[in-house]
C-alpha atoms as a PDB file:
ATOM      1  CA  UNK A   1       0.000   0.000   0.000  1.00  0.00           C
ATOM      2  CA  UNK A   2       2.944   2.360   0.654  1.00  0.00           C
ATOM      3  CA  UNK A   3       4.068   2.182  -2.983  1.00  0.00           C
ATOM      4  CA  UNK A   4       0.513   2.654  -4.261  1.00  0.00           C
ATOM      5  CA  UNK A   5       0.005   5.798  -2.145  1.00  0.00           C
ATOM      6  CA  UNK A   6       3.467   7.103  -3.068  1.00  0.00           C
ATOM      7  CA  UNK A   7       2.612   6.637  -6.773  1.00  0.00           C
ATOM      8  CA  UNK A   8      -0.811   8.293  -6.377  1.00  0.00           C
ATOM      9  CA  UNK A   9       0.707  11.319  -4.616  1.00  0.00           C
ATOM     10  CA  UNK A  10       3.418  11.522  -7.320  1.00  0.00           C
ATOM     11  CA  UNK A  11       0.766  11.520 -10.053  1.00  0.00           C
ATOM     12  CA  UNK A  12      -1.297  14.199  -8.287  1.00  0.00           C
ATOM     13  CA  UNK A  13       1.766  16.406  -7.728  1.00  0.00           C
ATOM     14  CA  UNK A  14       2.575  16.127 -11.456  1.00  0.00           C
ATOM     15  CA  UNK A  15      -1.008  17.125 -12.344  1.00  0.00           C
ATOM     16  CA  UNK A  16      -0.915  20.048  -9.930  1.00  0.00           C
ATOM     17  CA  UNK A  17       2.501  21.239 -11.140  1.00  0.00           C
ATOM     18  CA  UNK A  18       1.359  20.980 -14.758  1.00  0.00           C
ATOM     19  CA  UNK A  19      -1.471  23.414 -14.025  1.00  0.00           C
ATOM     20  CA  UNK A  20       0.728  25.975 -12.219  1.00  0.00           C
ATOM     21  CA  UNK A  21       2.830  28.382 -14.266  1.00  0.00           C
ATOM     22  CA  UNK A  22       4.827  29.995 -11.449  1.00  0.00           C
ATOM     23  CA  UNK A  23       7.733  27.644 -10.620  1.00  0.00           C
ATOM     24  CA  UNK A  24       7.840  28.928  -7.029  1.00  0.00           C
ATOM     25  CA  UNK A  25       4.299  27.661  -6.437  1.00  0.00           C
ATOM     26  CA  UNK A  26       5.064  24.124  -7.584  1.00  0.00           C
ATOM     27  CA  UNK A  27       5.425  21.202  -5.201  1.00  0.00           C
ATOM     28  CA  UNK A  28       8.417  18.898  -5.061  1.00  0.00           C
ATOM     29  CA  UNK A  29       7.821  15.352  -6.169  1.00  0.00           C
ATOM     30  CA  UNK A  30       7.514  12.995  -3.205  1.00  0.00           C
ATOM     31  CA  UNK A  31      10.872  12.077  -1.761  1.00  0.00           C
ATOM     32  CA  UNK A  32      11.453   8.937   0.270  1.00  0.00           C
ATOM     33  CA  UNK A  33      13.125   9.991   3.476  1.00  0.00           C
ATOM     34  CA  UNK A  34      13.030   6.583   5.166  1.00  0.00           C
ATOM     35  CA  UNK A  35      11.921   3.118   4.190  1.00  0.00           C
ATOM     36  CA  UNK A  36       8.219   3.790   4.794  1.00  0.00           C
ATOM     37  CA  UNK A  37       8.127   7.589   4.939  1.00  0.00           C
ATOM     38  CA  UNK A  38       7.945  10.222   2.224  1.00  0.00           C
ATOM     39  CA  UNK A  39       7.696  13.990   2.018  1.00  0.00           C
ATOM     40  CA  UNK A  40       6.343  16.635  -0.390  1.00  0.00           C
ATOM     41  CA  UNK A  41       7.438  20.265  -0.012  1.00  0.00           C
ATOM     42  CA  UNK A  42       7.022  23.765  -1.368  1.00  0.00           C
ATOM     43  CA  UNK A  43       9.647  26.141  -0.039  1.00  0.00           C
ATOM     44  CA  UNK A  44       8.126  29.385  -1.262  1.00  0.00           C
ATOM     45  CA  UNK A  45       5.145  31.261   0.153  1.00  0.00           C
ATOM     46  CA  UNK A  46       2.792  29.749   0.988  1.00  0.00           C
ATOM     47  CA  UNK A  47       5.162  27.076   2.235  1.00  0.00           C
ATOM     48  CA  UNK A  48       3.913  23.517   2.585  1.00  0.00           C
ATOM     49  CA  UNK A  49       5.374  20.290   3.941  1.00  0.00           C
ATOM     50  CA  UNK A  50       3.539  16.975   3.887  1.00  0.00           C
ATOM     51  CA  UNK A  51       5.123  14.003   5.648  1.00  0.00           C
ATOM     52  CA  UNK A  52       3.478  10.592   5.264  1.00  0.00           C
ATOM     53  CA  UNK A  53       4.650   7.805   7.555  1.00  0.00           C
ATOM     54  CA  UNK A  54       3.716   4.131   7.338  1.00  0.00           C
ATOM     55  CA  UNK A  55       6.269   3.023   9.948  1.00  0.00           C
ATOM     56  CA  UNK A  56       5.010   4.762  13.111  1.00  0.00           C
ATOM     57  CA  UNK A  57       1.823   2.714  13.461  1.00  0.00           C
ATOM     58  CA  UNK A  58       0.995  -0.861  12.453  1.00  0.00           C
ATOM     59  CA  UNK A  59      -2.684   0.044  11.975  1.00  0.00           C
ATOM     60  CA  UNK A  60      -2.658   3.416  10.201  1.00  0.00           C
ATOM     61  CA  UNK A  61      -0.867   5.816   7.898  1.00  0.00           C
ATOM     62  CA  UNK A  62       0.123   8.851   9.918  1.00  0.00           C
ATOM     63  CA  UNK A  63       0.705  12.233   8.318  1.00  0.00           C
ATOM     64  CA  UNK A  64       1.601  15.770   9.267  1.00  0.00           C
ATOM     65  CA  UNK A  65       1.164  18.960   7.299  1.00  0.00           C
ATOM     66  CA  UNK A  66       3.012  22.200   8.017  1.00  0.00           C
ATOM     67  CA  UNK A  67       1.656  25.341   6.391  1.00  0.00           C
ATOM     68  CA  UNK A  68       1.202  29.019   7.275  1.00  0.00           C
ATOM     69  CA  UNK A  69      -1.755  30.127   9.349  1.00  0.00           C
ATOM     70  CA  UNK A  70      -4.349  32.128   7.422  1.00  0.00           C
ATOM     71  CA  UNK A  71      -4.456  34.583  10.329  1.00  0.00           C
ATOM     72  CA  UNK A  72      -0.840  35.451  11.125  1.00  0.00           C
ATOM     73  CA  UNK A  73       1.123  33.448   8.492  1.00  0.00           C
ATOM     74  CA  UNK A  74       3.105  31.632  11.202  1.00  0.00           C
ATOM     75  CA  UNK A  75       3.685  27.950  10.406  1.00  0.00           C
ATOM     76  CA  UNK A  76       1.454  25.467  12.141  1.00  0.00           C
ATOM     77  CA  UNK A  77       1.320  21.691  12.101  1.00  0.00           C
ATOM     78  CA  UNK A  78      -1.726  19.552  11.472  1.00  0.00           C
ATOM     79  CA  UNK A  79      -1.527  15.842  12.139  1.00  0.00           C
ATOM     80  CA  UNK A  80      -3.826  13.011  11.242  1.00  0.00           C
ATOM     81  CA  UNK A  81      -4.112   9.368  10.420  1.00  0.00           C
ATOM     82  CA  UNK A  82      -5.809   7.188   7.869  1.00  0.00           C
ATOM     83  CA  UNK A  83      -6.448   3.810   9.533  1.00  0.00           C
ATOM     84  CA  UNK A  84      -6.082   0.552   7.645  1.00  0.00           C
ATOM     85  CA  UNK A  85      -9.248  -1.430   7.041  1.00  0.00           C
ATOM     86  CA  UNK A  86      -9.236  -5.065   5.981  1.00  0.00           C
ATOM     87  CA  UNK A  87     -11.942  -5.807   3.426  1.00  0.00           C
ATOM     88  CA  UNK A  88     -13.038  -9.396   2.906  1.00  0.00           C
ATOM     89  CA  UNK A  89     -12.690  -9.522  -0.857  1.00  0.00           C
ATOM     90  CA  UNK A  90     -10.600  -6.472  -1.685  1.00  0.00           C
ATOM     91  CA  UNK A  91      -7.672  -6.622   0.738  1.00  0.00           C
ATOM     92  CA  UNK A  92      -6.571  -3.614   2.758  1.00  0.00           C
ATOM     93  CA  UNK A  93      -7.955  -0.125   2.278  1.00  0.00           C
ATOM     94  CA  UNK A  94      -7.493   3.196   4.011  1.00  0.00           C
ATOM     95  CA  UNK A  95     -10.307   4.756   6.017  1.00  0.00           C
ATOM     96  CA  UNK A  96     -11.370   8.374   6.237  1.00  0.00           C
ATOM     97  CA  UNK A  97     -14.339   9.513   8.292  1.00  0.00           C
ATOM     98  CA  UNK A  98     -15.466   5.922   8.736  1.00  0.00           C
ATOM     99  CA  UNK A  99     -15.479   4.919   5.078  1.00  0.00           C
ATOM    100  CA  UNK A 100     -12.943   3.116   2.903  1.00  0.00           C
ATOM    101  CA  UNK A 101     -11.062   5.353   0.461  1.00  0.00           C
ATOM    102  CA  UNK A 102      -8.812   4.488  -2.447  1.00  0.00           C
ATOM    103  CA  UNK A 103      -5.176   5.571  -2.516  1.00  0.00           C
ATOM    104  CA  UNK A 104      -6.192   8.147  -5.152  1.00  0.00           C
ATOM    105  CA  UNK A 105      -8.754   9.652  -2.774  1.00  0.00           C
ATOM    106  CA  UNK A 106      -6.240   9.535   0.094  1.00  0.00           C
ATOM    107  CA  UNK A 107      -3.712  11.384  -2.071  1.00  0.00           C
ATOM    108  CA  UNK A 108      -6.214  14.148  -2.756  1.00  0.00           C
ATOM    109  CA  UNK A 109      -7.009  14.461   0.961  1.00  0.00           C
ATOM    110  CA  UNK A 110      -3.303  14.754   1.775  1.00  0.00           C
ATOM    111  CA  UNK A 111      -2.537  17.330  -0.934  1.00  0.00           C
ATOM    112  CA  UNK A 112      -5.655  19.495  -0.569  1.00  0.00           C
ATOM    113  CA  UNK A 113      -4.054  21.821   2.020  1.00  0.00           C
ATOM    114  CA  UNK A 114      -1.314  22.650  -0.528  1.00  0.00           C
ATOM    115  CA  UNK A 115      -3.846  24.158  -2.908  1.00  0.00           C
ATOM    116  CA  UNK A 116      -6.487  25.583  -0.555  1.00  0.00           C
ATOM    117  CA  UNK A 117      -4.826  28.982  -0.440  1.00  0.00           C
ATOM    118  CA  UNK A 118      -4.962  29.309  -4.218  1.00  0.00           C
ATOM    119  CA  UNK A 119      -8.671  28.581  -4.590  1.00  0.00           C
ATOM    120  CA  UNK A 120     -10.727  31.674  -5.098  1.00  0.00           C
ATOM    121  CA  UNK A 121     -14.512  31.571  -4.667  1.00  0.00           C
ATOM    122  CA  UNK A 122     -16.537  31.872  -7.855  1.00  0.00           C
ATOM    123  CA  UNK A 123     -18.556  35.081  -7.932  1.00  0.00           C
END
């Protein structure tokens, strides 16, 4: 499952970067920083760091996101977990809000905070 989520996040980062013209706004491709941990970063404002860790818990994927506060722009950390769920016929899945999600859906959940600041409401 680690490789599948790593690949899904890589594909989503490529899609995101392809839609962004400013190179400073682009995200780095996921980088393996340990055997079962990877990280995605953007060093420019608004900065963003996503760390996904499969090794800290035997029953969940743990993640942390560091990004600037919308109020004072100071960095703050959000942490969360996507528990594993064993399905009878489909093997293991990840859970979010009590329902199974695919690795593609999990990737979108993890990367959403990187793009929230760029979304403008439609008027």
